[in-house]
Amino acid sequence: MAFDPGYAAPRQAGVFFERRELERLLRLYGRMVAAGEWRDYGMDGLQDCAVFSVFRRSAEAPLYRIEKHPALARKQGAWAIVGQGGHVLKRGHELEQVLRFFDKGRFSVVD
């Protein structure tokens, strides 16, 4: 087969967020922006996962990455929150359950 410069190889579909998931992520983002915690976000639809990254400043590494891995849905859960150091901070089967990580009052001071 001769090279055809107008030919584009078929792209394999990657993973991305569903509308309901994206609405929930953007609602959380808006709440955190209003609280002064976050200032920017980015989204990636990769071959094996979808990533919603949040930043304090756009020039820095993301504070958190909210990842959707459909291949892990039956095992560890499709959703994960990954911190700056690459550590998984929360993992679960449902997005709402995982996003509770960002609720106020999750930490308490011990005397």
PDB file of N, CA and C in Angstrom:
ATOM      1  N   MET A   1       0.844  -1.179   0.000  1.00  0.00           N
ATOM      2  CA  MET A   1       0.000   0.000   0.000  1.00  0.00           C
ATOM      3  C   MET A   1       0.887   1.240   0.000  1.00  0.00           C
ATOM      4  N   ALA A   2       0.628   2.149  -0.865  1.00  0.00           N
ATOM      5  CA  ALA A   2       1.398   3.381  -0.962  1.00  0.00           C
ATOM      6  C   ALA A   2       0.944   4.358   0.109  1.00  0.00           C
ATOM      7  N   PHE A   3       1.860   5.231   0.515  1.00  0.00           N
ATOM      8  CA  PHE A   3       1.547   6.236   1.533  1.00  0.00           C
ATOM      9  C   PHE A   3       0.604   7.272   0.957  1.00  0.00           C
ATOM     10  N   ASP A   4      -0.455   7.529   1.657  1.00  0.00           N
ATOM     11  CA  ASP A   4      -1.433   8.528   1.242  1.00  0.00           C
ATOM     12  C   ASP A   4      -1.433   9.638   2.287  1.00  0.00           C
ATOM     13  N   PRO A   5      -0.921  10.847   1.972  1.00  0.00           N
ATOM     14  CA  PRO A   5      -0.839  11.913   2.972  1.00  0.00           C
ATOM     15  C   PRO A   5      -2.202  12.375   3.478  1.00  0.00           C
ATOM     16  N   GLY A   6      -3.271  12.092   2.765  1.00  0.00           N
ATOM     17  CA  GLY A   6      -4.613  12.483   3.194  1.00  0.00           C
ATOM     18  C   GLY A   6      -5.265  11.430   4.074  1.00  0.00           C
ATOM     19  N   TYR A   7      -4.608  10.288   4.227  1.00  0.00           N
ATOM     20  CA  TYR A   7      -5.171   9.199   5.014  1.00  0.00           C
ATOM     21  C   TYR A   7      -4.825   9.370   6.490  1.00  0.00           C
ATOM     22  N   ALA A   8      -5.812   9.295   7.320  1.00  0.00           N
ATOM     23  CA  ALA A   8      -5.584   9.358   8.774  1.00  0.00           C
ATOM     24  C   ALA A   8      -5.974   8.009   9.356  1.00  0.00           C
ATOM     25  N   ALA A   9      -5.107   7.477  10.165  1.00  0.00           N
ATOM     26  CA  ALA A   9      -5.399   6.192  10.801  1.00  0.00           C
ATOM     27  C   ALA A   9      -6.614   6.352  11.712  1.00  0.00           C
ATOM     28  N   PRO A  10      -7.457   5.367  11.784  1.00  0.00           N
ATOM     29  CA  PRO A  10      -8.632   5.485  12.652  1.00  0.00           C
ATOM     30  C   PRO A  10      -8.210   5.596  14.121  1.00  0.00           C
ATOM     31  N   ARG A  11      -8.781   6.559  14.799  1.00  0.00           N
ATOM     32  CA  ARG A  11      -8.473   6.754  16.218  1.00  0.00           C
ATOM     33  C   ARG A  11      -9.296   5.800  17.049  1.00  0.00           C
ATOM     34  N   GLN A  12      -8.639   5.202  18.002  1.00  0.00           N
ATOM     35  CA  GLN A  12      -9.373   4.366  18.932  1.00  0.00           C
ATOM     36  C   GLN A  12     -10.006   5.269  19.975  1.00  0.00           C
ATOM     37  N   ALA A  13     -11.219   4.944  20.334  1.00  0.00           N
ATOM     38  CA  ALA A  13     -11.929   5.760  21.306  1.00  0.00           C
ATOM     39  C   ALA A  13     -11.278   5.635  22.674  1.00  0.00           C
ATOM     40  N   GLY A  14     -11.092   6.758  23.324  1.00  0.00           N
ATOM     41  CA  GLY A  14     -10.533   6.766  24.664  1.00  0.00           C
ATOM     42  C   GLY A  14     -11.657   6.830  25.696  1.00  0.00           C
ATOM     43  N   VAL A  15     -11.272   7.018  26.927  1.00  0.00           N
ATOM     44  CA  VAL A  15     -12.224   7.105  28.029  1.00  0.00           C
ATOM     45  C   VAL A  15     -12.461   8.582  28.321  1.00  0.00           C
ATOM     46  N   PHE A  16     -13.707   8.949  28.552  1.00  0.00           N
ATOM     47  CA  PHE A  16     -14.013  10.312  28.969  1.00  0.00           C
ATOM     48  C   PHE A  16     -15.168  10.276  29.957  1.00  0.00           C
ATOM     49  N   PHE A  17     -15.470  11.409  30.535  1.00  0.00           N
ATOM     50  CA  PHE A  17     -16.526  11.508  31.526  1.00  0.00           C
ATOM     51  C   PHE A  17     -17.888  11.564  30.851  1.00  0.00           C
ATOM     52  N   GLU A  18     -18.879  10.968  31.499  1.00  0.00           N
ATOM     53  CA  GLU A  18     -20.255  11.106  31.049  1.00  0.00           C
ATOM     54  C   GLU A  18     -20.761  12.471  31.498  1.00  0.00           C
ATOM     55  N   ARG A  19     -21.850  12.912  30.896  1.00  0.00           N
ATOM     56  CA  ARG A  19     -22.384  14.241  31.192  1.00  0.00           C
ATOM     57  C   ARG A  19     -22.666  14.428  32.689  1.00  0.00           C
ATOM     58  N   ARG A  20     -23.309  13.466  33.320  1.00  0.00           N
ATOM     59  CA  ARG A  20     -23.649  13.547  34.741  1.00  0.00           C
ATOM     60  C   ARG A  20     -22.384  13.653  35.593  1.00  0.00           C
ATOM     61  N   GLU A  21     -21.364  12.889  35.254  1.00  0.00           N
ATOM     62  CA  GLU A  21     -20.098  12.922  35.985  1.00  0.00           C
ATOM     63  C   GLU A  21     -19.415  14.271  35.832  1.00  0.00           C
ATOM     64  N   LEU A  22     -19.405  14.771  34.615  1.00  0.00           N
ATOM     65  CA  LEU A  22     -18.765  16.062  34.350  1.00  0.00           C
ATOM     66  C   LEU A  22     -19.490  17.194  35.079  1.00  0.00           C
ATOM     67  N   GLU A  23     -20.822  17.148  35.096  1.00  0.00           N
ATOM     68  CA  GLU A  23     -21.581  18.163  35.833  1.00  0.00           C
ATOM     69  C   GLU A  23     -21.221  18.131  37.313  1.00  0.00           C
ATOM     70  N   ARG A  24     -21.098  16.945  37.889  1.00  0.00           N
ATOM     71  CA  ARG A  24     -20.752  16.808  39.310  1.00  0.00           C
ATOM     72  C   ARG A  24     -19.342  17.327  39.584  1.00  0.00           C
ATOM     73  N   LEU A  25     -18.398  17.023  38.701  1.00  0.00           N
ATOM     74  CA  LEU A  25     -17.021  17.503  38.865  1.00  0.00           C
ATOM     75  C   LEU A  25     -16.946  19.027  38.771  1.00  0.00           C
ATOM     76  N   LEU A  26     -17.666  19.600  37.816  1.00  0.00           N
ATOM     77  CA  LEU A  26     -17.644  21.059  37.651  1.00  0.00           C
ATOM     78  C   LEU A  26     -18.358  21.768  38.794  1.00  0.00           C
ATOM     79  N   ARG A  27     -19.380  21.144  39.371  1.00  0.00           N
ATOM     80  CA  ARG A  27     -20.052  21.709  40.542  1.00  0.00           C
ATOM     81  C   ARG A  27     -19.080  21.760  41.731  1.00  0.00           C
ATOM     82  N   LEU A  28     -18.330  20.675  41.945  1.00  0.00           N
ATOM     83  CA  LEU A  28     -17.314  20.645  43.001  1.00  0.00           C
ATOM     84  C   LEU A  28     -16.255  21.709  42.726  1.00  0.00           C
ATOM     85  N   TYR A  29     -15.811  21.804  41.480  1.00  0.00           N
ATOM     86  CA  TYR A  29     -14.794  22.791  41.111  1.00  0.00           C
ATOM     87  C   TYR A  29     -15.279  24.212  41.429  1.00  0.00           C
ATOM     88  N   GLY A  30     -16.514  24.523  41.071  1.00  0.00           N
ATOM     89  CA  GLY A  30     -17.074  25.846  41.344  1.00  0.00           C
ATOM     90  C   GLY A  30     -17.120  26.145  42.836  1.00  0.00           C
ATOM     91  N   ARG A  31     -17.485  25.152  43.626  1.00  0.00           N
ATOM     92  CA  ARG A  31     -17.534  25.321  45.079  1.00  0.00           C
ATOM     93  C   ARG A  31     -16.141  25.607  45.645  1.00  0.00           C
ATOM     94  N   MET A  32     -15.141  24.879  45.153  1.00  0.00           N
ATOM     95  CA  MET A  32     -13.778  25.053  45.648  1.00  0.00           C
ATOM     96  C   MET A  32     -13.156  26.371  45.161  1.00  0.00           C
ATOM     97  N   VAL A  33     -13.514  26.822  43.981  1.00  0.00           N
ATOM     98  CA  VAL A  33     -13.052  28.129  43.496  1.00  0.00           C
ATOM     99  C   VAL A  33     -13.646  29.227  44.374  1.00  0.00           C
ATOM    100  N   ALA A  34     -14.932  29.115  44.695  1.00  0.00           N
ATOM    101  CA  ALA A  34     -15.593  30.110  45.547  1.00  0.00           C
ATOM    102  C   ALA A  34     -14.954  30.147  46.935  1.00  0.00           C
ATOM    103  N   ALA A  35     -14.450  29.003  47.401  1.00  0.00           N
ATOM    104  CA  ALA A  35     -13.788  28.947  48.702  1.00  0.00           C
ATOM    105  C   ALA A  35     -12.330  29.413  48.629  1.00  0.00           C
ATOM    106  N   GLY A  36     -11.826  29.691  47.424  1.00  0.00           N
ATOM    107  CA  GLY A  36     -10.454  30.162  47.258  1.00  0.00           C
ATOM    108  C   GLY A  36      -9.411  29.063  47.272  1.00  0.00           C
ATOM    109  N   GLU A  37      -9.839  27.811  47.164  1.00  0.00           N
ATOM    110  CA  GLU A  37      -8.912  26.673  47.216  1.00  0.00           C
ATOM    111  C   GLU A  37      -8.282  26.362  45.852  1.00  0.00           C
ATOM    112  N   TRP A  38      -9.096  26.386  44.816  1.00  0.00           N
ATOM    113  CA  TRP A  38      -8.639  26.014  43.473  1.00  0.00           C
ATOM    114  C   TRP A  38      -8.786  27.187  42.534  1.00  0.00           C
ATOM    115  N   ARG A  39      -7.957  27.206  41.474  1.00  0.00           N
ATOM    116  CA  ARG A  39      -8.030  28.306  40.515  1.00  0.00           C
ATOM    117  C   ARG A  39      -8.101  27.870  39.064  1.00  0.00           C
ATOM    118  N   ASP A  40      -7.747  26.636  38.767  1.00  0.00           N
ATOM    119  CA  ASP A  40      -7.728  26.200  37.378  1.00  0.00           C
ATOM    120  C   ASP A  40      -7.976  24.700  37.330  1.00  0.00           C
ATOM    121  N   TYR A  41      -8.379  24.210  36.176  1.00  0.00           N
ATOM    122  CA  TYR A  41      -8.570  22.776  36.006  1.00  0.00           C
ATOM    123  C   TYR A  41      -8.172  22.365  34.597  1.00  0.00           C
ATOM    124  N   GLY A  42      -7.986  21.086  34.417  1.00  0.00           N
ATOM    125  CA  GLY A  42      -7.690  20.525  33.103  1.00  0.00           C
ATOM    126  C   GLY A  42      -8.317  19.149  33.012  1.00  0.00           C
ATOM    127  N   MET A  43      -8.649  18.734  31.800  1.00  0.00           N
ATOM    128  CA  MET A  43      -9.242  17.413  31.579  1.00  0.00           C
ATOM    129  C   MET A  43      -8.478  16.692  30.495  1.00  0.00           C
ATOM    130  N   ASP A  44      -8.318  15.400  30.688  1.00  0.00           N
ATOM    131  CA  ASP A  44      -7.673  14.548  29.691  1.00  0.00           C
ATOM    132  C   ASP A  44      -8.522  13.308  29.487  1.00  0.00           C
ATOM    133  N   GLY A  45      -8.746  12.955  28.249  1.00  0.00           N
ATOM    134  CA  GLY A  45      -9.386  11.696  27.902  1.00  0.00           C
ATOM    135  C   GLY A  45      -8.320  10.799  27.297  1.00  0.00           C
ATOM    136  N   LEU A  46      -7.812   9.878  28.073  1.00  0.00           N
ATOM    137  CA  LEU A  46      -6.727   9.006  27.640  1.00  0.00           C
ATOM    138  C   LEU A  46      -7.271   7.665  27.175  1.00  0.00           C
ATOM    139  N   GLN A  47      -6.402   6.808  26.715  1.00  0.00           N
ATOM    140  CA  GLN A  47      -6.800   5.504  26.208  1.00  0.00           C
ATOM    141  C   GLN A  47      -7.460   4.636  27.281  1.00  0.00           C
ATOM    142  N   ASP A  48      -6.907   4.651  28.507  1.00  0.00           N
ATOM    143  CA  ASP A  48      -7.411   3.765  29.555  1.00  0.00           C
ATOM    144  C   ASP A  48      -8.087   4.485  30.711  1.00  0.00           C
ATOM    145  N   CYS A  49      -8.024   5.821  30.758  1.00  0.00           N
ATOM    146  CA  CYS A  49      -8.655   6.553  31.853  1.00  0.00           C
ATOM    147  C   CYS A  49      -8.982   7.985  31.439  1.00  0.00           C
ATOM    148  N   ALA A  50      -9.857   8.604  32.232  1.00  0.00           N
ATOM    149  CA  ALA A  50     -10.173  10.024  32.085  1.00  0.00           C
ATOM    150  C   ALA A  50      -9.681  10.713  33.355  1.00  0.00           C
ATOM    151  N   VAL A  51      -9.110  11.909  33.194  1.00  0.00           N
ATOM    152  CA  VAL A  51      -8.503  12.605  34.328  1.00  0.00           C
ATOM    153  C   VAL A  51      -9.023  14.037  34.390  1.00  0.00           C
ATOM    154  N   PHE A  52      -9.472  14.436  35.591  1.00  0.00           N
ATOM    155  CA  PHE A  52      -9.867  15.813  35.877  1.00  0.00           C
ATOM    156  C   PHE A  52      -8.849  16.332  36.886  1.00  0.00           C
ATOM    157  N   SER A  53      -7.984  17.248  36.475  1.00  0.00           N
ATOM    158  CA  SER A  53      -6.916  17.766  37.330  1.00  0.00           C
ATOM    159  C   SER A  53      -7.292  19.154  37.825  1.00  0.00           C
ATOM    160  N   VAL A  54      -6.992  19.436  39.095  1.00  0.00           N
ATOM    161  CA  VAL A  54      -7.263  20.764  39.656  1.00  0.00           C
ATOM    162  C   VAL A  54      -5.957  21.369  40.150  1.00  0.00           C
ATOM    163  N   PHE A  55      -5.855  22.684  39.986  1.00  0.00           N
ATOM    164  CA  PHE A  55      -4.617  23.405  40.275  1.00  0.00           C
ATOM    165  C   PHE A  55      -4.879  24.575  41.201  1.00  0.00           C
ATOM    166  N   ARG A  56      -3.913  24.879  42.031  1.00  0.00           N
ATOM    167  CA  ARG A  56      -3.962  26.119  42.815  1.00  0.00           C
ATOM    168  C   ARG A  56      -3.483  27.259  41.919  1.00  0.00           C
ATOM    169  N   ARG A  57      -2.426  27.009  41.161  1.00  0.00           N
ATOM    170  CA  ARG A  57      -1.924  27.941  40.142  1.00  0.00           C
ATOM    171  C   ARG A  57      -1.677  27.134  38.881  1.00  0.00           C
ATOM    172  N   SER A  58      -2.008  27.709  37.746  1.00  0.00           N
ATOM    173  CA  SER A  58      -1.930  26.943  36.506  1.00  0.00           C
ATOM    174  C   SER A  58      -0.512  26.541  36.118  1.00  0.00           C
ATOM    175  N   ALA A  59       0.495  27.224  36.647  1.00  0.00           N
ATOM    176  CA  ALA A  59       1.880  26.907  36.296  1.00  0.00           C
ATOM    177  C   ALA A  59       2.453  25.768  37.142  1.00  0.00           C
ATOM    178  N   GLU A  60       1.697  25.289  38.114  1.00  0.00           N
ATOM    179  CA  GLU A  60       2.189  24.250  39.010  1.00  0.00           C
ATOM    180  C   GLU A  60       1.645  22.873  38.615  1.00  0.00           C
ATOM    181  N   ALA A  61       2.135  21.875  39.316  1.00  0.00           N
ATOM    182  CA  ALA A  61       1.583  20.527  39.166  1.00  0.00           C
ATOM    183  C   ALA A  61       0.189  20.515  39.789  1.00  0.00           C
ATOM    184  N   PRO A  62      -0.682  19.623  39.362  1.00  0.00           N
ATOM    185  CA  PRO A  62      -2.036  19.603  39.921  1.00  0.00           C
ATOM    186  C   PRO A  62      -2.034  19.238  41.411  1.00  0.00           C
ATOM    187  N   LEU A  63      -2.933  19.887  42.155  1.00  0.00           N
ATOM    188  CA  LEU A  63      -3.119  19.550  43.565  1.00  0.00           C
ATOM    189  C   LEU A  63      -3.704  18.142  43.685  1.00  0.00           C
ATOM    190  N   TYR A  64      -4.725  17.895  42.876  1.00  0.00           N
ATOM    191  CA  TYR A  64      -5.419  16.603  42.884  1.00  0.00           C
ATOM    192  C   TYR A  64      -5.747  16.212  41.458  1.00  0.00           C
ATOM    193  N   ARG A  65      -5.790  14.911  41.243  1.00  0.00           N
ATOM    194  CA  ARG A  65      -6.289  14.349  39.984  1.00  0.00           C
ATOM    195  C   ARG A  65      -7.435  13.415  40.344  1.00  0.00           C
ATOM    196  N   ILE A  66      -8.588  13.660  39.761  1.00  0.00           N
ATOM    197  CA  ILE A  66      -9.733  12.778  39.939  1.00  0.00           C
ATOM    198  C   ILE A  66      -9.771  11.906  38.695  1.00  0.00           C
ATOM    199  N   GLU A  67      -9.550  10.609  38.870  1.00  0.00           N
ATOM    200  CA  GLU A  67      -9.372   9.706  37.741  1.00  0.00           C
ATOM    201  C   GLU A  67     -10.491   8.684  37.650  1.00  0.00           C
ATOM    202  N   LYS A  68     -10.876   8.387  36.426  1.00  0.00           N
ATOM    203  CA  LYS A  68     -11.882   7.365  36.143  1.00  0.00           C
ATOM    204  C   LYS A  68     -11.199   6.255  35.337  1.00  0.00           C
ATOM    205  N   HIS A  69     -11.111   5.076  35.936  1.00  0.00           N
ATOM    206  CA  HIS A  69     -10.507   3.905  35.305  1.00  0.00           C
ATOM    207  C   HIS A  69     -11.572   2.819  35.155  1.00  0.00           C
ATOM    208  N   PRO A  70     -12.280   2.764  34.031  1.00  0.00           N
ATOM    209  CA  PRO A  70     -13.351   1.768  33.876  1.00  0.00           C
ATOM    210  C   PRO A  70     -12.880   0.320  34.030  1.00  0.00           C
ATOM    211  N   ALA A  71     -11.633   0.027  33.714  1.00  0.00           N
ATOM    212  CA  ALA A  71     -11.121  -1.342  33.827  1.00  0.00           C
ATOM    213  C   ALA A  71     -11.075  -1.821  35.276  1.00  0.00           C
ATOM    214  N   LEU A  72     -11.046  -0.888  36.232  1.00  0.00           N
ATOM    215  CA  LEU A  72     -10.984  -1.247  37.655  1.00  0.00           C
ATOM    216  C   LEU A  72     -12.348  -1.221  38.333  1.00  0.00           C
ATOM    217  N   ALA A  73     -13.413  -1.035  37.561  1.00  0.00           N
ATOM    218  CA  ALA A  73     -14.748  -0.870  38.137  1.00  0.00           C
ATOM    219  C   ALA A  73     -15.179  -2.050  39.003  1.00  0.00           C
ATOM    220  N   ARG A  74     -14.865  -3.253  38.616  1.00  0.00           N
ATOM    221  CA  ARG A  74     -15.287  -4.423  39.392  1.00  0.00           C
ATOM    222  C   ARG A  74     -14.289  -4.816  40.467  1.00  0.00           C
ATOM    223  N   LYS A  75     -13.115  -4.253  40.412  1.00  0.00           N
ATOM    224  CA  LYS A  75     -12.076  -4.621  41.377  1.00  0.00           C
ATOM    225  C   LYS A  75     -12.009  -3.575  42.481  1.00  0.00           C
ATOM    226  N   GLN A  76     -11.159  -2.577  42.319  1.00  0.00           N
ATOM    227  CA  GLN A  76     -10.922  -1.567  43.346  1.00  0.00           C
ATOM    228  C   GLN A  76     -11.904  -0.413  43.283  1.00  0.00           C
ATOM    229  N   GLY A  77     -12.590  -0.279  42.175  1.00  0.00           N
ATOM    230  CA  GLY A  77     -13.468   0.855  41.939  1.00  0.00           C
ATOM    231  C   GLY A  77     -12.900   1.722  40.835  1.00  0.00           C
ATOM    232  N   ALA A  78     -13.780   2.242  40.012  1.00  0.00           N
ATOM    233  CA  ALA A  78     -13.357   3.004  38.840  1.00  0.00           C
ATOM    234  C   ALA A  78     -12.811   4.385  39.190  1.00  0.00           C
ATOM    235  N   TRP A  79     -13.158   4.921  40.359  1.00  0.00           N
ATOM    236  CA  TRP A  79     -12.809   6.301  40.700  1.00  0.00           C
ATOM    237  C   TRP A  79     -11.680   6.368  41.713  1.00  0.00           C
ATOM    238  N   ALA A  80     -10.793   7.360  41.527  1.00  0.00           N
ATOM    239  CA  ALA A  80      -9.692   7.561  42.471  1.00  0.00           C
ATOM    240  C   ALA A  80      -9.333   9.038  42.528  1.00  0.00           C
ATOM    241  N   ILE A  81      -8.919   9.472  43.716  1.00  0.00           N
ATOM    242  CA  ILE A  81      -8.349  10.810  43.889  1.00  0.00           C
ATOM    243  C   ILE A  81      -6.873  10.605  44.173  1.00  0.00           C
ATOM    244  N   VAL A  82      -6.040  11.235  43.346  1.00  0.00           N
ATOM    245  CA  VAL A  82      -4.593  11.097  43.460  1.00  0.00           C
ATOM    246  C   VAL A  82      -4.021  12.448  43.869  1.00  0.00           C
ATOM    247  N   GLY A  83      -3.168  12.451  44.894  1.00  0.00           N
ATOM    248  CA  GLY A  83      -2.556  13.681  45.394  1.00  0.00           C
ATOM    249  C   GLY A  83      -1.338  14.083  44.580  1.00  0.00           C
ATOM    250  N   GLN A  84      -0.704  15.177  44.995  1.00  0.00           N
ATOM    251  CA  GLN A  84       0.459  15.712  44.286  1.00  0.00           C
ATOM    252  C   GLN A  84       1.602  14.720  44.176  1.00  0.00           C
ATOM    253  N   GLY A  85       1.830  13.930  45.182  1.00  0.00           N
ATOM    254  CA  GLY A  85       2.936  12.983  45.167  1.00  0.00           C
ATOM    255  C   GLY A  85       2.638  11.700  44.421  1.00  0.00           C
ATOM    256  N   GLY A  86       1.439  11.585  43.861  1.00  0.00           N
ATOM    257  CA  GLY A  86       1.072  10.381  43.131  1.00  0.00           C
ATOM    258  C   GLY A  86       0.424   9.317  44.002  1.00  0.00           C
ATOM    259  N   HIS A  87       0.180   9.641  45.276  1.00  0.00           N
ATOM    260  CA  HIS A  87      -0.455   8.691  46.184  1.00  0.00           C
ATOM    261  C   HIS A  87      -1.973   8.706  45.998  1.00  0.00           C
ATOM    262  N   VAL A  88      -2.587   7.549  46.012  1.00  0.00           N
ATOM    263  CA  VAL A  88      -4.039   7.453  45.945  1.00  0.00           C
ATOM    264  C   VAL A  88      -4.587   7.817  47.324  1.00  0.00           C
ATOM    265  N   LEU A  89      -5.380   8.890  47.372  1.00  0.00           N
ATOM    266  CA  LEU A  89      -5.928   9.373  48.633  1.00  0.00           C
ATOM    267  C   LEU A  89      -7.292   8.775  48.937  1.00  0.00           C
ATOM    268  N   LYS A  90      -8.041   8.439  47.900  1.00  0.00           N
ATOM    269  CA  LYS A  90      -9.370   7.852  48.062  1.00  0.00           C
ATOM    270  C   LYS A  90      -9.692   7.077  46.798  1.00  0.00           C
ATOM    271  N   ARG A  91     -10.319   5.916  46.970  1.00  0.00           N
ATOM    272  CA  ARG A  91     -10.714   5.088  45.829  1.00  0.00           C
ATOM    273  C   ARG A  91     -12.094   4.538  46.115  1.00  0.00           C
ATOM    274  N   GLY A  92     -12.910   4.383  45.078  1.00  0.00           N
ATOM    275  CA  GLY A  92     -14.237   3.837  45.289  1.00  0.00           C
ATOM    276  C   GLY A  92     -14.958   3.527  43.996  1.00  0.00           C
ATOM    277  N   HIS A  93     -16.136   2.937  44.170  1.00  0.00           N
ATOM    278  CA  HIS A  93     -16.947   2.520  43.029  1.00  0.00           C
ATOM    279  C   HIS A  93     -17.866   3.632  42.526  1.00  0.00           C
ATOM    280  N   GLU A  94     -18.228   4.573  43.404  1.00  0.00           N
ATOM    281  CA  GLU A  94     -19.157   5.646  43.047  1.00  0.00           C
ATOM    282  C   GLU A  94     -18.469   7.006  43.137  1.00  0.00           C
ATOM    283  N   LEU A  95     -18.753   7.876  42.174  1.00  0.00           N
ATOM    284  CA  LEU A  95     -18.147   9.210  42.148  1.00  0.00           C
ATOM    285  C   LEU A  95     -18.527  10.013  43.385  1.00  0.00           C
ATOM    286  N   GLU A  96     -19.794   9.999  43.767  1.00  0.00           N
ATOM    287  CA  GLU A  96     -20.242  10.769  44.935  1.00  0.00           C
ATOM    288  C   GLU A  96     -19.481  10.360  46.194  1.00  0.00           C
ATOM    289  N   GLN A  97     -19.295   9.072  46.379  1.00  0.00           N
ATOM    290  CA  GLN A  97     -18.583   8.552  47.550  1.00  0.00           C
ATOM    291  C   GLN A  97     -17.142   9.067  47.565  1.00  0.00           C
ATOM    292  N   VAL A  98     -16.493   9.049  46.434  1.00  0.00           N
ATOM    293  CA  VAL A  98     -15.091   9.473  46.343  1.00  0.00           C
ATOM    294  C   VAL A  98     -14.964  10.979  46.553  1.00  0.00           C
ATOM    295  N   LEU A  99     -15.919  11.751  46.028  1.00  0.00           N
ATOM    296  CA  LEU A  99     -15.835  13.210  46.143  1.00  0.00           C
ATOM    297  C   LEU A  99     -16.121  13.705  47.564  1.00  0.00           C
ATOM    298  N   ARG A 100     -16.639  12.862  48.438  1.00  0.00           N
ATOM    299  CA  ARG A 100     -16.824  13.254  49.844  1.00  0.00           C
ATOM    300  C   ARG A 100     -15.483  13.573  50.502  1.00  0.00           C
ATOM    301  N   PHE A 101     -14.410  13.147  49.891  1.00  0.00           N
ATOM    302  CA  PHE A 101     -13.058  13.471  50.373  1.00  0.00           C
ATOM    303  C   PHE A 101     -12.890  14.980  50.531  1.00  0.00           C
ATOM    304  N   PHE A 102     -13.550  15.761  49.679  1.00  0.00           N
ATOM    305  CA  PHE A 102     -13.389  17.210  49.678  1.00  0.00           C
ATOM    306  C   PHE A 102     -14.376  17.940  50.586  1.00  0.00           C
ATOM    307  N   ASP A 103     -15.251  17.206  51.280  1.00  0.00           N
ATOM    308  CA  ASP A 103     -16.207  17.843  52.188  1.00  0.00           C
ATOM    309  C   ASP A 103     -15.487  18.494  53.354  1.00  0.00           C
ATOM    310  N   LYS A 104     -16.034  19.605  53.817  1.00  0.00           N
ATOM    311  CA  LYS A 104     -15.474  20.295  54.979  1.00  0.00           C
ATOM    312  C   LYS A 104     -15.586  19.395  56.202  1.00  0.00           C
ATOM    313  N   GLY A 105     -14.645  19.535  57.105  1.00  0.00           N
ATOM    314  CA  GLY A 105     -14.709  18.817  58.359  1.00  0.00           C
ATOM    315  C   GLY A 105     -14.218  17.386  58.294  1.00  0.00           C
ATOM    316  N   ARG A 106     -13.510  17.034  57.240  1.00  0.00           N
ATOM    317  CA  ARG A 106     -13.021  15.653  57.150  1.00  0.00           C
ATOM    318  C   ARG A 106     -11.823  15.406  58.068  1.00  0.00           C
ATOM    319  N   PHE A 107     -11.190  16.504  58.508  1.00  0.00           N
ATOM    320  CA  PHE A 107     -10.070  16.402  59.438  1.00  0.00           C
ATOM    321  C   PHE A 107     -10.495  16.971  60.779  1.00  0.00           C
ATOM    322  N   SER A 108      -9.976  16.408  61.847  1.00  0.00           N
ATOM    323  CA  SER A 108     -10.286  16.961  63.163  1.00  0.00           C
ATOM    324  C   SER A 108      -8.977  17.123  63.941  1.00  0.00           C
ATOM    325  N   VAL A 109      -8.945  18.130  64.777  1.00  0.00           N
ATOM    326  CA  VAL A 109      -7.775  18.413  65.601  1.00  0.00           C
ATOM    327  C   VAL A 109      -7.878  17.559  66.867  1.00  0.00           C
ATOM    328  N   VAL A 110      -6.798  16.894  67.219  1.00  0.00           N
ATOM    329  CA  VAL A 110      -6.765  16.050  68.409  1.00  0.00           C
ATOM    330  C   VAL A 110      -5.867  16.727  69.430  1.00  0.00           C
ATOM    331  N   ASP A 111      -6.358  16.875  70.662  1.00  0.00           N
ATOM    332  CA  ASP A 111      -5.564  17.493  71.720  1.00  0.00           C
ATOM    333  C   ASP A 111      -4.615  16.488  72.336  1.00  0.00           C
TER     334      ASP A 111
END
